[in-house]
Amino acid sequence: MFKKYRIKSHFRFCIFLTLVLILTIITTGTVLGFNESAGITKEQYTEVKIIVGDTLWDLAKSYGPKDKDIRRTVHRICKINDISAHDIQPGQSILIPIN
């Protein structure tokens, strides 16, 4: 009734078991959330209230990260706040990334 199986190639069998083990570890880690890199560096923001005469370029230069390109910071501000550079109004609060 029981059929016996024979391993014809030990090398192929070891490769198969190794791949199954790696896939199992990756899948388990992903499901349990062990491999999230967001936990290491969390995005930090400064909330700024816009006054008359403010531009995103000036705000990015004043409050944004000093080591990053201002153009990229302005783009990130627009993306985070879902605005465009010319849509800011006095009294509006926006988030500016610190890092």
N, C-alpha and C. Protein backbone atom coordinates (compact mmCIF):
# COMPACT_ATOMS: atom_id res chain seq x y z
N MET A 1 0.80 -1.19 0.00
CA MET A 1 0.00 0.00 0.00
C MET A 1 0.85 1.26 0.00
N PHE A 2 1.90 1.28 0.79
CA PHE A 2 2.74 2.46 0.84
C PHE A 2 3.81 2.39 -0.24
N LYS A 3 3.96 3.51 -0.92
CA LYS A 3 4.95 3.57 -1.98
C LYS A 3 6.23 4.16 -1.41
N LYS A 4 7.36 3.54 -1.71
CA LYS A 4 8.64 4.02 -1.24
C LYS A 4 9.22 4.97 -2.28
N TYR A 5 9.75 6.07 -1.76
CA TYR A 5 10.39 7.05 -2.63
C TYR A 5 11.90 6.98 -2.42
N ARG A 6 12.62 7.12 -3.52
CA ARG A 6 14.06 7.13 -3.45
C ARG A 6 14.58 8.47 -3.94
N ILE A 7 15.58 8.99 -3.27
CA ILE A 7 16.20 10.23 -3.69
C ILE A 7 17.27 9.88 -4.72
N LYS A 8 17.04 10.36 -5.96
CA LYS A 8 17.98 10.03 -7.03
C LYS A 8 19.19 10.94 -7.01
N SER A 9 18.96 12.22 -6.71
CA SER A 9 20.07 13.18 -6.67
C SER A 9 20.05 13.89 -5.32
N HIS A 10 21.03 13.60 -4.51
CA HIS A 10 21.11 14.21 -3.19
C HIS A 10 21.36 15.72 -3.30
N PHE A 11 22.12 16.13 -4.30
CA PHE A 11 22.40 17.54 -4.50
C PHE A 11 21.12 18.32 -4.79
N ARG A 12 20.31 17.83 -5.72
CA ARG A 12 19.05 18.51 -6.05
C ARG A 12 18.09 18.52 -4.87
N PHE A 13 18.07 17.45 -4.11
CA PHE A 13 17.21 17.38 -2.94
C PHE A 13 17.64 18.41 -1.88
N CYS A 14 18.94 18.55 -1.66
CA CYS A 14 19.43 19.54 -0.69
C CYS A 14 19.13 20.96 -1.16
N ILE A 15 19.29 21.23 -2.43
CA ILE A 15 18.96 22.56 -2.98
C ILE A 15 17.47 22.83 -2.79
N PHE A 16 16.64 21.86 -3.07
CA PHE A 16 15.19 22.02 -2.89
C PHE A 16 14.84 22.33 -1.44
N LEU A 17 15.40 21.56 -0.51
CA LEU A 17 15.12 21.79 0.91
C LEU A 17 15.62 23.17 1.36
N THR A 18 16.77 23.58 0.87
CA THR A 18 17.30 24.89 1.21
C THR A 18 16.38 26.01 0.72
N LEU A 19 15.92 25.92 -0.51
CA LEU A 19 15.01 26.92 -1.07
C LEU A 19 13.68 26.96 -0.32
N VAL A 20 13.16 25.80 0.03
CA VAL A 20 11.91 25.75 0.79
C VAL A 20 12.11 26.39 2.17
N LEU A 21 13.22 26.14 2.81
CA LEU A 21 13.51 26.72 4.11
C LEU A 21 13.64 28.25 4.02
N ILE A 22 14.36 28.74 3.01
CA ILE A 22 14.52 30.18 2.83
C ILE A 22 13.18 30.85 2.56
N LEU A 23 12.37 30.27 1.68
CA LEU A 23 11.05 30.84 1.39
C LEU A 23 10.15 30.83 2.62
N THR A 24 10.24 29.79 3.42
CA THR A 24 9.44 29.72 4.64
C THR A 24 9.85 30.81 5.63
N ILE A 25 11.14 31.02 5.78
CA ILE A 25 11.63 32.06 6.70
C ILE A 25 11.22 33.44 6.21
N ILE A 26 11.36 33.71 4.92
CA ILE A 26 10.99 35.02 4.37
C ILE A 26 9.49 35.26 4.51
N THR A 27 8.69 34.27 4.20
CA THR A 27 7.23 34.41 4.30
C THR A 27 6.81 34.64 5.75
N THR A 28 7.38 33.88 6.66
CA THR A 28 7.03 34.05 8.07
C THR A 28 7.44 35.43 8.57
N GLY A 29 8.62 35.90 8.20
CA GLY A 29 9.08 37.22 8.60
C GLY A 29 8.21 38.32 8.04
N THR A 30 7.76 38.17 6.81
CA THR A 30 6.91 39.17 6.20
C THR A 30 5.54 39.21 6.86
N VAL A 31 4.98 38.05 7.12
CA VAL A 31 3.65 37.98 7.74
C VAL A 31 3.69 38.55 9.16
N LEU A 32 4.73 38.26 9.91
CA LEU A 32 4.83 38.74 11.28
C LEU A 32 5.39 40.16 11.37
N GLY A 33 5.89 40.70 10.27
CA GLY A 33 6.37 42.08 10.24
C GLY A 33 7.76 42.27 10.81
N PHE A 34 8.60 41.25 10.77
CA PHE A 34 9.94 41.36 11.32
C PHE A 34 10.89 42.12 10.41
N ASN A 35 10.61 42.20 9.11
CA ASN A 35 11.56 42.80 8.19
C ASN A 35 11.16 44.20 7.75
N GLU A 36 10.41 44.92 8.56
CA GLU A 36 10.04 46.29 8.21
C GLU A 36 11.16 47.23 8.61
N SER A 37 11.66 47.96 7.65
CA SER A 37 12.73 48.90 7.96
C SER A 37 12.18 50.21 8.48
N ALA A 38 10.87 50.42 8.40
CA ALA A 38 10.27 51.67 8.88
C ALA A 38 10.41 51.81 10.38
N GLY A 39 10.58 50.72 11.08
CA GLY A 39 10.72 50.80 12.52
C GLY A 39 12.06 51.36 12.95
N ILE A 40 13.05 51.32 12.09
CA ILE A 40 14.38 51.79 12.43
C ILE A 40 14.43 53.32 12.36
N THR A 41 14.00 53.88 11.24
CA THR A 41 14.00 55.33 11.08
C THR A 41 12.58 55.79 10.82
N LYS A 42 12.04 56.50 11.75
CA LYS A 42 10.67 56.98 11.62
C LYS A 42 10.71 58.42 11.11
N GLU A 43 9.84 58.71 10.17
CA GLU A 43 9.75 60.04 9.59
C GLU A 43 9.31 61.04 10.66
N GLN A 44 10.02 62.15 10.77
CA GLN A 44 9.67 63.19 11.72
C GLN A 44 9.34 64.47 10.97
N TYR A 45 8.34 65.19 11.48
CA TYR A 45 7.86 66.40 10.81
C TYR A 45 7.80 67.57 11.78
N THR A 46 7.87 68.76 11.21
CA THR A 46 7.62 69.99 11.93
C THR A 46 6.36 70.61 11.34
N GLU A 47 5.42 70.98 12.18
CA GLU A 47 4.21 71.63 11.69
C GLU A 47 4.44 73.14 11.69
N VAL A 48 4.23 73.76 10.54
CA VAL A 48 4.48 75.18 10.38
C VAL A 48 3.20 75.85 9.89
N LYS A 49 2.86 76.97 10.51
CA LYS A 49 1.70 77.75 10.07
C LYS A 49 2.21 78.83 9.11
N ILE A 50 1.62 78.90 7.96
CA ILE A 50 2.07 79.81 6.91
C ILE A 50 1.57 81.22 7.20
N ILE A 51 2.47 82.18 7.05
CA ILE A 51 2.10 83.59 7.19
C ILE A 51 2.29 84.27 5.83
N VAL A 52 1.82 85.48 5.72
CA VAL A 52 1.91 86.22 4.46
C VAL A 52 3.38 86.38 4.06
N GLY A 53 3.68 86.08 2.82
CA GLY A 53 5.04 86.22 2.30
C GLY A 53 5.85 84.94 2.33
N ASP A 54 5.36 83.88 2.97
CA ASP A 54 6.08 82.61 3.02
C ASP A 54 6.01 81.90 1.67
N THR A 55 7.10 81.27 1.29
CA THR A 55 7.13 80.38 0.13
C THR A 55 7.62 79.02 0.60
N LEU A 56 7.30 78.00 -0.17
CA LEU A 56 7.77 76.66 0.21
C LEU A 56 9.29 76.58 0.17
N TRP A 57 9.90 77.33 -0.72
CA TRP A 57 11.36 77.32 -0.83
C TRP A 57 11.98 77.88 0.45
N ASP A 58 11.43 78.99 0.95
CA ASP A 58 11.96 79.57 2.19
C ASP A 58 11.73 78.66 3.38
N LEU A 59 10.53 78.06 3.44
CA LEU A 59 10.22 77.15 4.55
C LEU A 59 11.11 75.91 4.51
N ALA A 60 11.33 75.36 3.31
CA ALA A 60 12.19 74.18 3.16
C ALA A 60 13.61 74.51 3.57
N LYS A 61 14.06 75.72 3.24
CA LYS A 61 15.42 76.13 3.60
C LYS A 61 15.55 76.34 5.11
N SER A 62 14.52 76.90 5.73
CA SER A 62 14.58 77.19 7.16
C SER A 62 14.36 75.97 8.04
N TYR A 63 13.34 75.17 7.72
CA TYR A 63 12.93 74.07 8.61
C TYR A 63 13.35 72.69 8.13
N GLY A 64 13.66 72.55 6.85
CA GLY A 64 13.97 71.24 6.30
C GLY A 64 15.35 70.76 6.68
N PRO A 65 15.69 69.54 6.27
CA PRO A 65 17.01 69.00 6.57
C PRO A 65 18.10 69.81 5.86
N LYS A 66 19.16 70.09 6.56
CA LYS A 66 20.24 70.95 6.03
C LYS A 66 21.10 70.22 5.00
N ASP A 67 21.17 68.91 5.09
CA ASP A 67 22.06 68.16 4.21
C ASP A 67 21.39 67.70 2.92
N LYS A 68 20.12 68.05 2.69
CA LYS A 68 19.39 67.60 1.50
C LYS A 68 19.18 68.76 0.53
N ASP A 69 18.98 68.42 -0.71
CA ASP A 69 18.70 69.41 -1.75
C ASP A 69 17.33 70.05 -1.49
N ILE A 70 17.26 71.37 -1.60
CA ILE A 70 16.02 72.08 -1.29
C ILE A 70 14.91 71.68 -2.27
N ARG A 71 15.28 71.42 -3.52
CA ARG A 71 14.26 71.01 -4.51
C ARG A 71 13.58 69.72 -4.09
N ARG A 72 14.36 68.78 -3.60
CA ARG A 72 13.77 67.51 -3.14
C ARG A 72 12.90 67.72 -1.90
N THR A 73 13.35 68.62 -1.02
CA THR A 73 12.57 68.90 0.18
C THR A 73 11.24 69.55 -0.19
N VAL A 74 11.25 70.49 -1.13
CA VAL A 74 10.00 71.12 -1.58
C VAL A 74 9.08 70.08 -2.20
N HIS A 75 9.63 69.18 -2.99
CA HIS A 75 8.82 68.11 -3.60
C HIS A 75 8.21 67.22 -2.53
N ARG A 76 8.99 66.87 -1.50
CA ARG A 76 8.47 66.03 -0.40
C ARG A 76 7.38 66.76 0.37
N ILE A 77 7.56 68.06 0.61
CA ILE A 77 6.54 68.84 1.31
C ILE A 77 5.24 68.82 0.53
N CYS A 78 5.34 69.03 -0.77
CA CYS A 78 4.14 69.02 -1.63
C CYS A 78 3.47 67.64 -1.60
N LYS A 79 4.27 66.59 -1.64
CA LYS A 79 3.72 65.23 -1.65
C LYS A 79 3.08 64.88 -0.31
N ILE A 80 3.73 65.24 0.79
CA ILE A 80 3.22 64.92 2.13
C ILE A 80 1.91 65.64 2.41
N ASN A 81 1.84 66.92 2.01
CA ASN A 81 0.67 67.74 2.31
C ASN A 81 -0.37 67.74 1.19
N ASP A 82 -0.08 67.04 0.09
CA ASP A 82 -0.99 66.95 -1.06
C ASP A 82 -1.35 68.35 -1.58
N ILE A 83 -0.31 69.15 -1.81
CA ILE A 83 -0.47 70.50 -2.34
C ILE A 83 0.53 70.70 -3.47
N SER A 84 0.39 71.81 -4.18
CA SER A 84 1.44 72.21 -5.11
C SER A 84 2.10 73.46 -4.54
N ALA A 85 3.23 73.83 -5.10
CA ALA A 85 4.04 74.90 -4.53
C ALA A 85 3.32 76.25 -4.52
N HIS A 86 2.40 76.47 -5.42
CA HIS A 86 1.71 77.76 -5.49
C HIS A 86 0.35 77.74 -4.80
N ASP A 87 -0.02 76.64 -4.16
CA ASP A 87 -1.34 76.51 -3.52
C ASP A 87 -1.36 76.86 -2.04
N ILE A 88 -0.28 77.36 -1.48
CA ILE A 88 -0.28 77.63 -0.04
C ILE A 88 -0.97 78.96 0.25
N GLN A 89 -1.67 79.00 1.38
CA GLN A 89 -2.44 80.17 1.80
C GLN A 89 -2.02 80.58 3.21
N PRO A 90 -2.02 81.88 3.51
CA PRO A 90 -1.73 82.30 4.89
C PRO A 90 -2.74 81.69 5.87
N GLY A 91 -2.24 81.21 7.01
CA GLY A 91 -3.07 80.56 8.01
C GLY A 91 -3.11 79.05 7.86
N GLN A 92 -2.65 78.55 6.75
CA GLN A 92 -2.64 77.11 6.51
C GLN A 92 -1.48 76.49 7.29
N SER A 93 -1.68 75.28 7.80
CA SER A 93 -0.61 74.54 8.48
C SER A 93 -0.14 73.43 7.57
N ILE A 94 1.17 73.30 7.45
CA ILE A 94 1.75 72.23 6.64
C ILE A 94 2.80 71.48 7.46
N LEU A 95 3.07 70.27 7.05
CA LEU A 95 4.10 69.45 7.68
C LEU A 95 5.37 69.52 6.85
N ILE A 96 6.50 69.72 7.51
CA ILE A 96 7.79 69.78 6.83
C ILE A 96 8.68 68.67 7.41
N PRO A 97 9.23 67.80 6.57
CA PRO A 97 10.08 66.71 7.09
C PRO A 97 11.38 67.27 7.67
N ILE A 98 11.76 66.70 8.81
CA ILE A 98 12.99 67.14 9.47
C ILE A 98 14.18 66.35 8.95
N ASN A 99 14.00 65.05 8.73
CA ASN A 99 15.11 64.20 8.28
C ASN A 99 14.90 63.66 6.91
